[in-house]
Amino acid sequence: MTFFTGFLIAYINYLMMKKGTDKSGTAALLLPLLRTLISAGYLVAVFFLAPLTPCDPIWLLAGAAAGLTLPMFFFTFLLIRQLKPSDDNQETEHSDNSDKGGDV
């Protein structure tokens, strides 16, 4: 259960970063801090609520950590693909520079 909740938190973090990459200024700078606070807050909540469950707390924490970490790799890959300029744009920029008369 904590793995799937961690996955949901990671997805919410991804959506925040996806929207925040379009913006500039202090909002874009504070987004990683907010993302870290949400993830850490979830782990703290699991830690303090674990004694109320019949499960061993270490397994709940491991599930929560895995639920946050594993999807993060995939979502970070998606963000990088979104921010990376396409190969067509790079080739166009390169050919424009070579038409202007050589190396700069």
PDB file of N, CA and C in Angstrom:
ATOM      1  N   MET A   1       0.818  -1.196   0.000  1.00  0.00           N
ATOM      2  CA  MET A   1       0.000   0.000   0.000  1.00  0.00           C
ATOM      3  C   MET A   1       0.861   1.259   0.000  1.00  0.00           C
ATOM      4  N   THR A   2       1.944   1.245   0.813  1.00  0.00           N
ATOM      5  CA  THR A   2       2.782   2.439   0.859  1.00  0.00           C
ATOM      6  C   THR A   2       3.537   2.636  -0.453  1.00  0.00           C
ATOM      7  N   PHE A   3       3.818   1.546  -1.175  1.00  0.00           N
ATOM      8  CA  PHE A   3       4.482   1.687  -2.472  1.00  0.00           C
ATOM      9  C   PHE A   3       3.603   2.465  -3.435  1.00  0.00           C
ATOM     10  N   PHE A   4       2.315   2.121  -3.493  1.00  0.00           N
ATOM     11  CA  PHE A   4       1.408   2.786  -4.423  1.00  0.00           C
ATOM     12  C   PHE A   4       1.142   4.234  -4.017  1.00  0.00           C
ATOM     13  N   THR A   5       1.096   4.496  -2.721  1.00  0.00           N
ATOM     14  CA  THR A   5       0.950   5.870  -2.263  1.00  0.00           C
ATOM     15  C   THR A   5       2.204   6.674  -2.605  1.00  0.00           C
ATOM     16  N   GLY A   6       3.382   6.057  -2.450  1.00  0.00           N
ATOM     17  CA  GLY A   6       4.626   6.706  -2.846  1.00  0.00           C
ATOM     18  C   GLY A   6       4.665   6.978  -4.340  1.00  0.00           C
ATOM     19  N   PHE A   7       4.146   6.042  -5.130  1.00  0.00           N
ATOM     20  CA  PHE A   7       4.052   6.249  -6.572  1.00  0.00           C
ATOM     21  C   PHE A   7       3.169   7.453  -6.881  1.00  0.00           C
ATOM     22  N   LEU A   8       2.063   7.572  -6.174  1.00  0.00           N
ATOM     23  CA  LEU A   8       1.162   8.709  -6.368  1.00  0.00           C
ATOM     24  C   LEU A   8       1.857  10.023  -6.009  1.00  0.00           C
ATOM     25  N   ILE A   9       2.613  10.039  -4.923  1.00  0.00           N
ATOM     26  CA  ILE A   9       3.356  11.235  -4.525  1.00  0.00           C
ATOM     27  C   ILE A   9       4.397  11.576  -5.596  1.00  0.00           C
ATOM     28  N   ALA A  10       5.088  10.574  -6.124  1.00  0.00           N
ATOM     29  CA  ALA A  10       6.085  10.806  -7.175  1.00  0.00           C
ATOM     30  C   ALA A  10       5.425  11.364  -8.435  1.00  0.00           C
ATOM     31  N   TYR A  11       4.236  10.886  -8.753  1.00  0.00           N
ATOM     32  CA  TYR A  11       3.519  11.390  -9.926  1.00  0.00           C
ATOM     33  C   TYR A  11       3.093  12.844  -9.717  1.00  0.00           C
ATOM     34  N   ILE A  12       2.634  13.177  -8.522  1.00  0.00           N
ATOM     35  CA  ILE A  12       2.264  14.559  -8.220  1.00  0.00           C
ATOM     36  C   ILE A  12       3.497  15.460  -8.324  1.00  0.00           C
ATOM     37  N   ASN A  13       4.633  14.986  -7.828  1.00  0.00           N
ATOM     38  CA  ASN A  13       5.877  15.748  -7.953  1.00  0.00           C
ATOM     39  C   ASN A  13       6.249  15.953  -9.420  1.00  0.00           C
ATOM     40  N   TYR A  14       6.048  14.930 -10.225  1.00  0.00           N
ATOM     41  CA  TYR A  14       6.332  15.033 -11.660  1.00  0.00           C
ATOM     42  C   TYR A  14       5.443  16.082 -12.316  1.00  0.00           C
ATOM     43  N   LEU A  15       4.167  16.066 -11.984  1.00  0.00           N
ATOM     44  CA  LEU A  15       3.259  17.046 -12.574  1.00  0.00           C
ATOM     45  C   LEU A  15       3.626  18.465 -12.163  1.00  0.00           C
ATOM     46  N   MET A  16       4.043  18.642 -10.900  1.00  0.00           N
ATOM     47  CA  MET A  16       4.468  19.975 -10.446  1.00  0.00           C
ATOM     48  C   MET A  16       5.703  20.434 -11.212  1.00  0.00           C
ATOM     49  N   MET A  17       6.669  19.548 -11.389  1.00  0.00           N
ATOM     50  CA  MET A  17       7.883  19.925 -12.101  1.00  0.00           C
ATOM     51  C   MET A  17       7.598  20.180 -13.584  1.00  0.00           C
ATOM     52  N   LYS A  18       6.686  19.421 -14.160  1.00  0.00           N
ATOM     53  CA  LYS A  18       6.342  19.613 -15.566  1.00  0.00           C
ATOM     54  C   LYS A  18       5.725  20.993 -15.786  1.00  0.00           C
ATOM     55  N   LYS A  19       4.844  21.394 -14.883  1.00  0.00           N
ATOM     56  CA  LYS A  19       4.245  22.727 -14.990  1.00  0.00           C
ATOM     57  C   LYS A  19       5.262  23.817 -14.661  1.00  0.00           C
ATOM     58  N   GLY A  20       6.148  23.537 -13.716  1.00  0.00           N
ATOM     59  CA  GLY A  20       7.109  24.533 -13.264  1.00  0.00           C
ATOM     60  C   GLY A  20       8.243  24.786 -14.230  1.00  0.00           C
ATOM     61  N   THR A  21       8.518  23.854 -15.145  1.00  0.00           N
ATOM     62  CA  THR A  21       9.603  24.066 -16.092  1.00  0.00           C
ATOM     63  C   THR A  21       9.262  25.129 -17.117  1.00  0.00           C
ATOM     64  N   ASP A  22       7.985  25.421 -17.287  1.00  0.00           N
ATOM     65  CA  ASP A  22       7.572  26.447 -18.230  1.00  0.00           C
ATOM     66  C   ASP A  22       7.720  27.846 -17.639  1.00  0.00           C
ATOM     67  N   LYS A  23       7.834  27.937 -16.340  1.00  0.00           N
ATOM     68  CA  LYS A  23       7.887  29.230 -15.665  1.00  0.00           C
ATOM     69  C   LYS A  23       9.320  29.585 -15.300  1.00  0.00           C
ATOM     70  N   SER A  24       9.512  30.853 -15.020  1.00  0.00           N
ATOM     71  CA  SER A  24      10.824  31.290 -14.548  1.00  0.00           C
ATOM     72  C   SER A  24      10.621  32.124 -13.294  1.00  0.00           C
ATOM     73  N   GLY A  25      11.691  32.413 -12.613  1.00  0.00           N
ATOM     74  CA  GLY A  25      11.605  33.228 -11.406  1.00  0.00           C
ATOM     75  C   GLY A  25      11.629  32.393 -10.153  1.00  0.00           C
ATOM     76  N   THR A  26      11.125  32.967  -9.080  1.00  0.00           N
ATOM     77  CA  THR A  26      11.208  32.307  -7.782  1.00  0.00           C
ATOM     78  C   THR A  26      10.317  31.082  -7.689  1.00  0.00           C
ATOM     79  N   ALA A  27       9.220  31.068  -8.419  1.00  0.00           N
ATOM     80  CA  ALA A  27       8.341  29.888  -8.379  1.00  0.00           C
ATOM     81  C   ALA A  27       9.082  28.655  -8.891  1.00  0.00           C
ATOM     82  N   ALA A  28       9.844  28.812  -9.955  1.00  0.00           N
ATOM     83  CA  ALA A  28      10.601  27.685 -10.503  1.00  0.00           C
ATOM     84  C   ALA A  28      11.736  27.282  -9.567  1.00  0.00           C
ATOM     85  N   LEU A  29      12.275  28.236  -8.829  1.00  0.00           N
ATOM     86  CA  LEU A  29      13.365  27.930  -7.906  1.00  0.00           C
ATOM     87  C   LEU A  29      12.870  27.232  -6.641  1.00  0.00           C
ATOM     88  N   LEU A  30      11.658  27.515  -6.230  1.00  0.00           N
ATOM     89  CA  LEU A  30      11.114  26.918  -5.010  1.00  0.00           C
ATOM     90  C   LEU A  30      10.477  25.549  -5.249  1.00  0.00           C
ATOM     91  N   LEU A  31      10.263  25.201  -6.498  1.00  0.00           N
ATOM     92  CA  LEU A  31       9.611  23.929  -6.810  1.00  0.00           C
ATOM     93  C   LEU A  31      10.392  22.710  -6.323  1.00  0.00           C
ATOM     94  N   PRO A  32      11.700  22.623  -6.522  1.00  0.00           N
ATOM     95  CA  PRO A  32      12.415  21.462  -5.975  1.00  0.00           C
ATOM     96  C   PRO A  32      12.342  21.382  -4.451  1.00  0.00           C
ATOM     97  N   LEU A  33      12.321  22.523  -3.780  1.00  0.00           N
ATOM     98  CA  LEU A  33      12.184  22.529  -2.323  1.00  0.00           C
ATOM     99  C   LEU A  33      10.819  21.980  -1.914  1.00  0.00           C
ATOM    100  N   LEU A  34       9.776  22.423  -2.582  1.00  0.00           N
ATOM    101  CA  LEU A  34       8.429  21.932  -2.292  1.00  0.00           C
ATOM    102  C   LEU A  34       8.334  20.435  -2.569  1.00  0.00           C
ATOM    103  N   ARG A  35       8.941  20.004  -3.645  1.00  0.00           N
ATOM    104  CA  ARG A  35       8.935  18.583  -4.009  1.00  0.00           C
ATOM    105  C   ARG A  35       9.629  17.748  -2.927  1.00  0.00           C
ATOM    106  N   THR A  36      10.747  18.241  -2.419  1.00  0.00           N
ATOM    107  CA  THR A  36      11.476  17.534  -1.366  1.00  0.00           C
ATOM    108  C   THR A  36      10.669  17.503  -0.072  1.00  0.00           C
ATOM    109  N   LEU A  37      10.019  18.615   0.261  1.00  0.00           N
ATOM    110  CA  LEU A  37       9.211  18.666   1.481  1.00  0.00           C
ATOM    111  C   LEU A  37       8.041  17.691   1.415  1.00  0.00           C
ATOM    112  N   ILE A  38       7.420  17.575   0.265  1.00  0.00           N
ATOM    113  CA  ILE A  38       6.300  16.634   0.114  1.00  0.00           C
ATOM    114  C   ILE A  38       6.786  15.195   0.287  1.00  0.00           C
ATOM    115  N   SER A  39       7.900  14.859  -0.357  1.00  0.00           N
ATOM    116  CA  SER A  39       8.428  13.495  -0.253  1.00  0.00           C
ATOM    117  C   SER A  39       8.876  13.177   1.173  1.00  0.00           C
ATOM    118  N   ALA A  40       9.594  14.102   1.792  1.00  0.00           N
ATOM    119  CA  ALA A  40      10.056  13.885   3.165  1.00  0.00           C
ATOM    120  C   ALA A  40       8.876  13.834   4.130  1.00  0.00           C
ATOM    121  N   GLY A  41       7.883  14.663   3.906  1.00  0.00           N
ATOM    122  CA  GLY A  41       6.689  14.648   4.751  1.00  0.00           C
ATOM    123  C   GLY A  41       5.954  13.322   4.668  1.00  0.00           C
ATOM    124  N   TYR A  42       5.927  12.743   3.484  1.00  0.00           N
ATOM    125  CA  TYR A  42       5.292  11.438   3.331  1.00  0.00           C
ATOM    126  C   TYR A  42       6.049  10.368   4.111  1.00  0.00           C
ATOM    127  N   LEU A  43       7.375  10.385   4.025  1.00  0.00           N
ATOM    128  CA  LEU A  43       8.170   9.399   4.764  1.00  0.00           C
ATOM    129  C   LEU A  43       8.025   9.579   6.273  1.00  0.00           C
ATOM    130  N   VAL A  44       7.973  10.813   6.729  1.00  0.00           N
ATOM    131  CA  VAL A  44       7.781  11.082   8.159  1.00  0.00           C
ATOM    132  C   VAL A  44       6.400  10.587   8.601  1.00  0.00           C
ATOM    133  N   ALA A  45       5.386  10.830   7.773  1.00  0.00           N
ATOM    134  CA  ALA A  45       4.040  10.367   8.115  1.00  0.00           C
ATOM    135  C   ALA A  45       3.988   8.846   8.203  1.00  0.00           C
ATOM    136  N   VAL A  46       4.650   8.163   7.267  1.00  0.00           N
ATOM    137  CA  VAL A  46       4.687   6.697   7.314  1.00  0.00           C
ATOM    138  C   VAL A  46       5.401   6.237   8.579  1.00  0.00           C
ATOM    139  N   PHE A  47       6.498   6.903   8.934  1.00  0.00           N
ATOM    140  CA  PHE A  47       7.262   6.522  10.121  1.00  0.00           C
ATOM    141  C   PHE A  47       6.415   6.636  11.387  1.00  0.00           C
ATOM    142  N   PHE A  48       5.683   7.741  11.520  1.00  0.00           N
ATOM    143  CA  PHE A  48       4.908   7.942  12.749  1.00  0.00           C
ATOM    144  C   PHE A  48       3.579   7.182  12.760  1.00  0.00           C
ATOM    145  N   LEU A  49       3.050   6.860  11.609  1.00  0.00           N
ATOM    146  CA  LEU A  49       1.796   6.097  11.563  1.00  0.00           C
ATOM    147  C   LEU A  49       2.020   4.582  11.525  1.00  0.00           C
ATOM    148  N   ALA A  50       3.243   4.153  11.273  1.00  0.00           N
ATOM    149  CA  ALA A  50       3.546   2.720  11.179  1.00  0.00           C
ATOM    150  C   ALA A  50       3.212   1.944  12.449  1.00  0.00           C
ATOM    151  N   PRO A  51       3.459   2.472  13.666  1.00  0.00           N
ATOM    152  CA  PRO A  51       3.112   1.696  14.861  1.00  0.00           C
ATOM    153  C   PRO A  51       1.611   1.424  15.001  1.00  0.00           C
ATOM    154  N   LEU A  52       0.790   2.176  14.311  1.00  0.00           N
ATOM    155  CA  LEU A  52      -0.658   1.975  14.381  1.00  0.00           C
ATOM    156  C   LEU A  52      -1.137   0.834  13.492  1.00  0.00           C
ATOM    157  N   THR A  53      -0.253   0.294  12.676  1.00  0.00           N
ATOM    158  CA  THR A  53      -0.624  -0.791  11.771  1.00  0.00           C
ATOM    159  C   THR A  53      -0.069  -2.114  12.292  1.00  0.00           C
ATOM    160  N   PRO A  54      -0.632  -3.227  11.862  1.00  0.00           N
ATOM    161  CA  PRO A  54      -0.111  -4.520  12.311  1.00  0.00           C
ATOM    162  C   PRO A  54       1.184  -4.931  11.589  1.00  0.00           C
ATOM    163  N   CYS A  55       1.571  -4.202  10.561  1.00  0.00           N
ATOM    164  CA  CYS A  55       2.769  -4.543   9.785  1.00  0.00           C
ATOM    165  C   CYS A  55       4.034  -4.051  10.480  1.00  0.00           C
ATOM    166  N   ASP A  56       5.138  -4.672  10.114  1.00  0.00           N
ATOM    167  CA  ASP A  56       6.434  -4.252  10.625  1.00  0.00           C
ATOM    168  C   ASP A  56       6.784  -2.886  10.008  1.00  0.00           C
ATOM    169  N   PRO A  57       7.173  -1.898  10.802  1.00  0.00           N
ATOM    170  CA  PRO A  57       7.439  -0.554  10.272  1.00  0.00           C
ATOM    171  C   PRO A  57       8.537  -0.506   9.210  1.00  0.00           C
ATOM    172  N   ILE A  58       9.500  -1.391   9.290  1.00  0.00           N
ATOM    173  CA  ILE A  58      10.585  -1.359   8.311  1.00  0.00           C
ATOM    174  C   ILE A  58      10.075  -1.662   6.909  1.00  0.00           C
ATOM    175  N   TRP A  59       9.094  -2.553   6.816  1.00  0.00           N
ATOM    176  CA  TRP A  59       8.544  -2.878   5.497  1.00  0.00           C
ATOM    177  C   TRP A  59       7.698  -1.740   4.948  1.00  0.00           C
ATOM    178  N   LEU A  60       7.005  -1.051   5.829  1.00  0.00           N
ATOM    179  CA  LEU A  60       6.230   0.106   5.379  1.00  0.00           C
ATOM    180  C   LEU A  60       7.152   1.215   4.876  1.00  0.00           C
ATOM    181  N   LEU A  61       8.232   1.459   5.609  1.00  0.00           N
ATOM    182  CA  LEU A  61       9.186   2.487   5.188  1.00  0.00           C
ATOM    183  C   LEU A  61       9.900   2.087   3.891  1.00  0.00           C
ATOM    184  N   ALA A  62      10.247   0.815   3.770  1.00  0.00           N
ATOM    185  CA  ALA A  62      10.898   0.343   2.545  1.00  0.00           C
ATOM    186  C   ALA A  62       9.954   0.489   1.346  1.00  0.00           C
ATOM    187  N   GLY A  63       8.698   0.157   1.530  1.00  0.00           N
ATOM    188  CA  GLY A  63       7.723   0.315   0.454  1.00  0.00           C
ATOM    189  C   GLY A  63       7.523   1.770   0.072  1.00  0.00           C
ATOM    190  N   ALA A  64       7.473   2.630   1.079  1.00  0.00           N
ATOM    191  CA  ALA A  64       7.302   4.059   0.804  1.00  0.00           C
ATOM    192  C   ALA A  64       8.520   4.614   0.073  1.00  0.00           C
ATOM    193  N   ALA A  65       9.716   4.244   0.511  1.00  0.00           N
ATOM    194  CA  ALA A  65      10.934   4.726  -0.137  1.00  0.00           C
ATOM    195  C   ALA A  65      11.040   4.211  -1.569  1.00  0.00           C
ATOM    196  N   ALA A  66      10.705   2.952  -1.778  1.00  0.00           N
ATOM    197  CA  ALA A  66      10.735   2.390  -3.134  1.00  0.00           C
ATOM    198  C   ALA A  66       9.667   3.033  -4.008  1.00  0.00           C
ATOM    199  N   GLY A  67       8.503   3.306  -3.420  1.00  0.00           N
ATOM    200  CA  GLY A  67       7.429   3.946  -4.176  1.00  0.00           C
ATOM    201  C   GLY A  67       7.765   5.366  -4.585  1.00  0.00           C
ATOM    202  N   LEU A  68       8.592   6.033  -3.813  1.00  0.00           N
ATOM    203  CA  LEU A  68       9.030   7.376  -4.188  1.00  0.00           C
ATOM    204  C   LEU A  68      10.191   7.338  -5.181  1.00  0.00           C
ATOM    205  N   THR A  69      11.098   6.402  -5.004  1.00  0.00           N
ATOM    206  CA  THR A  69      12.350   6.409  -5.753  1.00  0.00           C
ATOM    207  C   THR A  69      12.229   5.799  -7.146  1.00  0.00           C
ATOM    208  N   LEU A  70      11.658   4.631  -7.251  1.00  0.00           N
ATOM    209  CA  LEU A  70      11.620   3.940  -8.544  1.00  0.00           C
ATOM    210  C   LEU A  70      10.853   4.720  -9.617  1.00  0.00           C
ATOM    211  N   PRO A  71       9.662   5.236  -9.331  1.00  0.00           N
ATOM    212  CA  PRO A  71       8.979   6.024 -10.359  1.00  0.00           C
ATOM    213  C   PRO A  71       9.704   7.332 -10.678  1.00  0.00           C
ATOM    214  N   MET A  72      10.476   7.846  -9.705  1.00  0.00           N
ATOM    215  CA  MET A  72      11.194   9.087  -9.931  1.00  0.00           C
ATOM    216  C   MET A  72      12.160   8.953 -11.105  1.00  0.00           C
ATOM    217  N   PHE A  73      12.804   7.795 -11.256  1.00  0.00           N
ATOM    218  CA  PHE A  73      13.714   7.592 -12.377  1.00  0.00           C
ATOM    219  C   PHE A  73      12.972   7.724 -13.705  1.00  0.00           C
ATOM    220  N   PHE A  74      11.816   7.109 -13.803  1.00  0.00           N
ATOM    221  CA  PHE A  74      11.024   7.169 -15.034  1.00  0.00           C
ATOM    222  C   PHE A  74      10.526   8.586 -15.292  1.00  0.00           C
ATOM    223  N   PHE A  75       9.994   9.245 -14.258  1.00  0.00           N
ATOM    224  CA  PHE A  75       9.458  10.588 -14.437  1.00  0.00           C
ATOM    225  C   PHE A  75      10.557  11.601 -14.753  1.00  0.00           C
ATOM    226  N   THR A  76      11.743  11.417 -14.189  1.00  0.00           N
ATOM    227  CA  THR A  76      12.865  12.297 -14.512  1.00  0.00           C
ATOM    228  C   THR A  76      13.272  12.112 -15.964  1.00  0.00           C
ATOM    229  N   PHE A  77      13.267  10.880 -16.434  1.00  0.00           N
ATOM    230  CA  PHE A  77      13.549  10.613 -17.845  1.00  0.00           C
ATOM    231  C   PHE A  77      12.543  11.329 -18.734  1.00  0.00           C
ATOM    232  N   LEU A  78      11.264  11.300 -18.370  1.00  0.00           N
ATOM    233  CA  LEU A  78      10.243  12.000 -19.158  1.00  0.00           C
ATOM    234  C   LEU A  78      10.475  13.507 -19.157  1.00  0.00           C
ATOM    235  N   LEU A  79      10.850  14.068 -18.004  1.00  0.00           N
ATOM    236  CA  LEU A  79      11.119  15.504 -17.929  1.00  0.00           C
ATOM    237  C   LEU A  79      12.316  15.891 -18.791  1.00  0.00           C
ATOM    238  N   ILE A  80      13.354  15.086 -18.775  1.00  0.00           N
ATOM    239  CA  ILE A  80      14.534  15.381 -19.586  1.00  0.00           C
ATOM    240  C   ILE A  80      14.188  15.323 -21.068  1.00  0.00           C
ATOM    241  N   ARG A  81      13.398  14.329 -21.453  1.00  0.00           N
ATOM    242  CA  ARG A  81      12.969  14.245 -22.858  1.00  0.00           C
ATOM    243  C   ARG A  81      12.143  15.450 -23.252  1.00  0.00           C
ATOM    244  N   GLN A  82      11.326  15.948 -22.328  1.00  0.00           N
ATOM    245  CA  GLN A  82      10.483  17.104 -22.612  1.00  0.00           C
ATOM    246  C   GLN A  82      11.336  18.363 -22.766  1.00  0.00           C
ATOM    247  N   LEU A  83      12.359  18.514 -21.950  1.00  0.00           N
ATOM    248  CA  LEU A  83      13.177  19.720 -21.967  1.00  0.00           C
ATOM    249  C   LEU A  83      14.272  19.694 -23.025  1.00  0.00           C
ATOM    250  N   LYS A  84      14.670  18.507 -23.450  1.00  0.00           N
ATOM    251  CA  LYS A  84      15.750  18.371 -24.425  1.00  0.00           C
ATOM    252  C   LYS A  84      15.248  18.819 -25.789  1.00  0.00           C
ATOM    253  N   PRO A  85      16.005  19.716 -26.460  1.00  0.00           N
ATOM    254  CA  PRO A  85      15.564  20.122 -27.803  1.00  0.00           C
ATOM    255  C   PRO A  85      15.663  18.946 -28.766  1.00  0.00           C
ATOM    256  N   SER A  86      14.805  18.965 -29.750  1.00  0.00           N
ATOM    257  CA  SER A  86      14.792  17.857 -30.706  1.00  0.00           C
ATOM    258  C   SER A  86      16.040  17.905 -31.583  1.00  0.00           C
ATOM    259  N   ASP A  87      16.375  16.788 -32.196  1.00  0.00           N
ATOM    260  CA  ASP A  87      17.561  16.698 -33.049  1.00  0.00           C
ATOM    261  C   ASP A  87      17.422  17.567 -34.295  1.00  0.00           C
ATOM    262  N   ASP A  88      16.201  17.756 -34.782  1.00  0.00           N
ATOM    263  CA  ASP A  88      15.983  18.589 -35.963  1.00  0.00           C
ATOM    264  C   ASP A  88      16.378  20.034 -35.687  1.00  0.00           C
ATOM    265  N   ASN A  89      16.037  20.542 -34.490  1.00  0.00           N
ATOM    266  CA  ASN A  89      16.393  21.910 -34.139  1.00  0.00           C
ATOM    267  C   ASN A  89      17.898  22.080 -34.018  1.00  0.00           C
ATOM    268  N   GLN A  90      18.590  21.092 -33.492  1.00  0.00           N
ATOM    269  CA  GLN A  90      20.037  21.175 -33.351  1.00  0.00           C
ATOM    270  C   GLN A  90      20.713  21.172 -34.713  1.00  0.00           C
ATOM    271  N   GLU A  91      20.226  20.346 -35.642  1.00  0.00           N
ATOM    272  CA  GLU A  91      20.805  20.304 -36.972  1.00  0.00           C
ATOM    273  C   GLU A  91      20.569  21.617 -37.696  1.00  0.00           C
ATOM    274  N   THR A  92      19.403  22.216 -37.522  1.00  0.00           N
ATOM    275  CA  THR A  92      19.102  23.493 -38.158  1.00  0.00           C
ATOM    276  C   THR A  92      20.012  24.579 -37.608  1.00  0.00           C
ATOM    277  N   GLU A  93      20.207  24.617 -36.297  1.00  0.00           N
ATOM    278  CA  GLU A  93      21.076  25.623 -35.702  1.00  0.00           C
ATOM    279  C   GLU A  93      22.509  25.423 -36.175  1.00  0.00           C
ATOM    280  N   HIS A  94      22.961  24.195 -36.296  1.00  0.00           N
ATOM    281  CA  HIS A  94      24.324  23.917 -36.744  1.00  0.00           C
ATOM    282  C   HIS A  94      24.519  24.354 -38.188  1.00  0.00           C
ATOM    283  N   SER A  95      23.555  24.081 -39.058  1.00  0.00           N
ATOM    284  CA  SER A  95      23.681  24.469 -40.459  1.00  0.00           C
ATOM    285  C   SER A  95      23.588  25.986 -40.612  1.00  0.00           C
ATOM    286  N   ASP A  96      22.820  26.666 -39.746  1.00  0.00           N
ATOM    287  CA  ASP A  96      22.744  28.127 -39.786  1.00  0.00           C
ATOM    288  C   ASP A  96      24.093  28.740 -39.437  1.00  0.00           C
ATOM    289  N   ASN A  97      24.795  28.190 -38.458  1.00  0.00           N
ATOM    290  CA  ASN A  97      26.094  28.718 -38.057  1.00  0.00           C
ATOM    291  C   ASN A  97      27.145  28.490 -39.131  1.00  0.00           C
ATOM    292  N   SER A  98      27.076  27.365 -39.859  1.00  0.00           N
ATOM    293  CA  SER A  98      28.063  27.094 -40.880  1.00  0.00           C
ATOM    294  C   SER A  98      27.823  27.975 -42.117  1.00  0.00           C
ATOM    295  N   ASP A  99      26.587  28.415 -42.349  1.00  0.00           N
ATOM    296  CA  ASP A  99      26.294  29.289 -43.485  1.00  0.00           C
ATOM    297  C   ASP A  99      26.775  30.710 -43.250  1.00  0.00           C
ATOM    298  N   LYS A 100      27.004  31.081 -42.010  1.00  0.00           N
ATOM    299  CA  LYS A 100      27.378  32.456 -41.687  1.00  0.00           C
ATOM    300  C   LYS A 100      28.849  32.734 -41.876  1.00  0.00           C
ATOM    301  N   GLY A 101      29.622  31.764 -42.266  1.00  0.00           N
ATOM    302  CA  GLY A 101      30.999  32.069 -42.580  1.00  0.00           C
ATOM    303  C   GLY A 101      32.024  31.427 -41.696  1.00  0.00           C
ATOM    304  N   GLY A 102      31.757  30.315 -41.116  1.00  0.00           N
ATOM    305  CA  GLY A 102      32.807  29.604 -40.423  1.00  0.00           C
ATOM    306  C   GLY A 102      32.625  29.520 -38.933  1.00  0.00           C
ATOM    307  N   ASP A 103      33.744  29.203 -38.301  1.00  0.00           N
ATOM    308  CA  ASP A 103      33.749  28.958 -36.861  1.00  0.00           C
ATOM    309  C   ASP A 103      33.719  30.271 -36.099  1.00  0.00           C
ATOM    310  N   VAL A 104      33.104  30.206 -34.952  1.00  0.00           N
ATOM    311  CA  VAL A 104      33.042  31.379 -34.083  1.00  0.00           C
ATOM    312  C   VAL A 104      33.829  31.104 -32.832  1.00  0.00           C
TER     313      VAL A 104
END
